[in-house]
Amino acid sequence: MYDWNAPATLAYWPGQADLPEKACATLTDAIREADASDGRTPWIITLTGEILRPQEIAALQLEGARATKGRRLGFLQPSRRSRPASAT
């Protein structure tokens, strides 16, 4: 569904001077950094232009916390099987 390793932009609405848009190295990082506290409303724009709304971000954060028993978004990390084998 999403390319978790592609760059994404984290933004807050309404725009706030102390919360400028932030380019994140990966979608996983953007989800981790999205903060809905203090009345903040995070939005994420993926490299392909898809927009993750605040409710979707919160659901992904919650799902990640449940799946890893407290470690946030561990399920979004690539599995060991998807990493290339080291040449030793």
Protein backbone atom coordinates (compact mmCIF):
# COMPACT_ATOMS: atom_id res chain seq x y z
CA MET A 1 0.00 0.00 0.00
CA TYR A 2 2.60 2.59 1.06
CA ASP A 3 6.31 2.74 0.39
CA TRP A 4 7.47 3.03 4.01
CA ASN A 5 11.04 3.85 2.95
CA ALA A 6 10.16 6.71 0.57
CA PRO A 7 10.53 10.33 1.67
CA ALA A 8 7.46 12.10 3.07
CA THR A 9 6.52 15.55 4.30
CA LEU A 10 5.05 16.12 7.75
CA ALA A 11 2.84 19.20 8.03
CA TYR A 12 0.46 20.60 10.62
CA TRP A 13 -2.87 22.29 9.99
CA PRO A 14 -3.57 25.01 10.46
CA GLY A 15 -0.05 26.12 9.66
CA GLN A 16 1.84 27.35 12.67
CA ALA A 17 5.09 29.33 12.62
CA ASP A 18 6.62 27.08 15.29
CA LEU A 19 5.66 23.93 13.31
CA PRO A 20 6.90 24.37 9.74
CA GLU A 21 6.61 21.57 7.21
CA LYS A 22 9.31 18.98 7.74
CA ALA A 23 10.85 16.76 5.08
CA CYS A 24 11.32 13.30 6.58
CA ALA A 25 13.70 10.70 5.18
CA THR A 26 10.99 8.02 5.22
CA LEU A 27 7.25 7.68 5.68
CA THR A 28 8.00 5.64 8.81
CA ASP A 29 9.93 8.58 10.28
CA ALA A 30 7.09 10.98 9.46
CA ILE A 31 4.56 8.76 11.24
CA ARG A 32 6.84 8.44 14.25
CA GLU A 33 7.32 12.21 14.46
CA ALA A 34 3.67 13.16 13.95
CA ASP A 35 2.47 14.69 17.20
CA ALA A 36 -1.21 15.38 17.83
CA SER A 37 -0.71 16.79 21.33
CA ASP A 38 -1.41 20.40 22.27
CA GLY A 39 -4.12 20.73 19.63
CA ARG A 40 -1.74 19.91 16.77
CA THR A 41 -3.24 18.35 13.66
CA PRO A 42 -0.62 16.37 11.71
CA TRP A 43 -0.91 15.55 8.02
CA ILE A 44 1.58 13.55 5.98
CA ILE A 45 2.13 13.88 2.25
CA THR A 46 3.82 10.89 0.64
CA LEU A 47 6.27 11.02 -2.24
CA THR A 48 3.48 9.93 -4.61
CA GLY A 49 1.17 12.71 -3.37
CA GLU A 50 -1.09 10.62 -1.15
CA ILE A 51 -2.27 12.43 1.97
CA LEU A 52 -2.50 10.66 5.30
CA ARG A 53 -5.09 12.40 7.42
CA PRO A 54 -4.81 12.79 11.20
CA GLN A 55 -7.11 9.82 11.87
CA GLU A 56 -5.05 7.57 9.58
CA ILE A 57 -1.81 8.63 11.23
CA ALA A 58 -3.24 7.99 14.70
CA ALA A 59 -4.49 4.54 13.62
CA LEU A 60 -1.06 3.61 12.24
CA GLN A 61 0.62 4.79 15.44
CA LEU A 62 -1.86 2.84 17.58
CA GLU A 63 -1.56 -0.28 15.43
CA GLY A 64 2.21 -0.09 15.67
CA ALA A 65 2.12 0.30 19.44
CA ARG A 66 -0.19 -2.71 19.82
CA ALA A 67 1.76 -4.89 17.40
CA THR A 68 5.04 -4.34 19.18
CA LYS A 69 3.76 -4.18 22.78
CA GLY A 70 4.89 -0.63 23.42
CA ARG A 71 7.58 -0.13 20.79
CA ARG A 72 6.01 2.39 18.45
CA LEU A 73 5.81 1.48 14.77
CA GLY A 74 8.11 -1.50 14.92
CA PHE A 75 5.81 -3.20 12.42
CA LEU A 76 6.73 -0.59 9.83
CA GLN A 77 10.38 -1.53 9.86
CA PRO A 78 11.59 -3.85 7.09
CA SER A 79 11.80 -7.43 8.19
CA ARG A 80 15.20 -9.11 8.31
CA ARG A 81 14.19 -11.18 5.30
CA SER A 82 13.79 -8.05 3.17
CA ARG A 83 17.33 -6.87 3.82
CA PRO A 84 20.08 -7.96 1.48
CA ALA A 85 22.41 -10.56 2.87
CA SER A 86 25.81 -9.27 3.84
CA ALA A 87 28.72 -10.50 1.79
CA THR A 88 31.15 -11.91 4.32
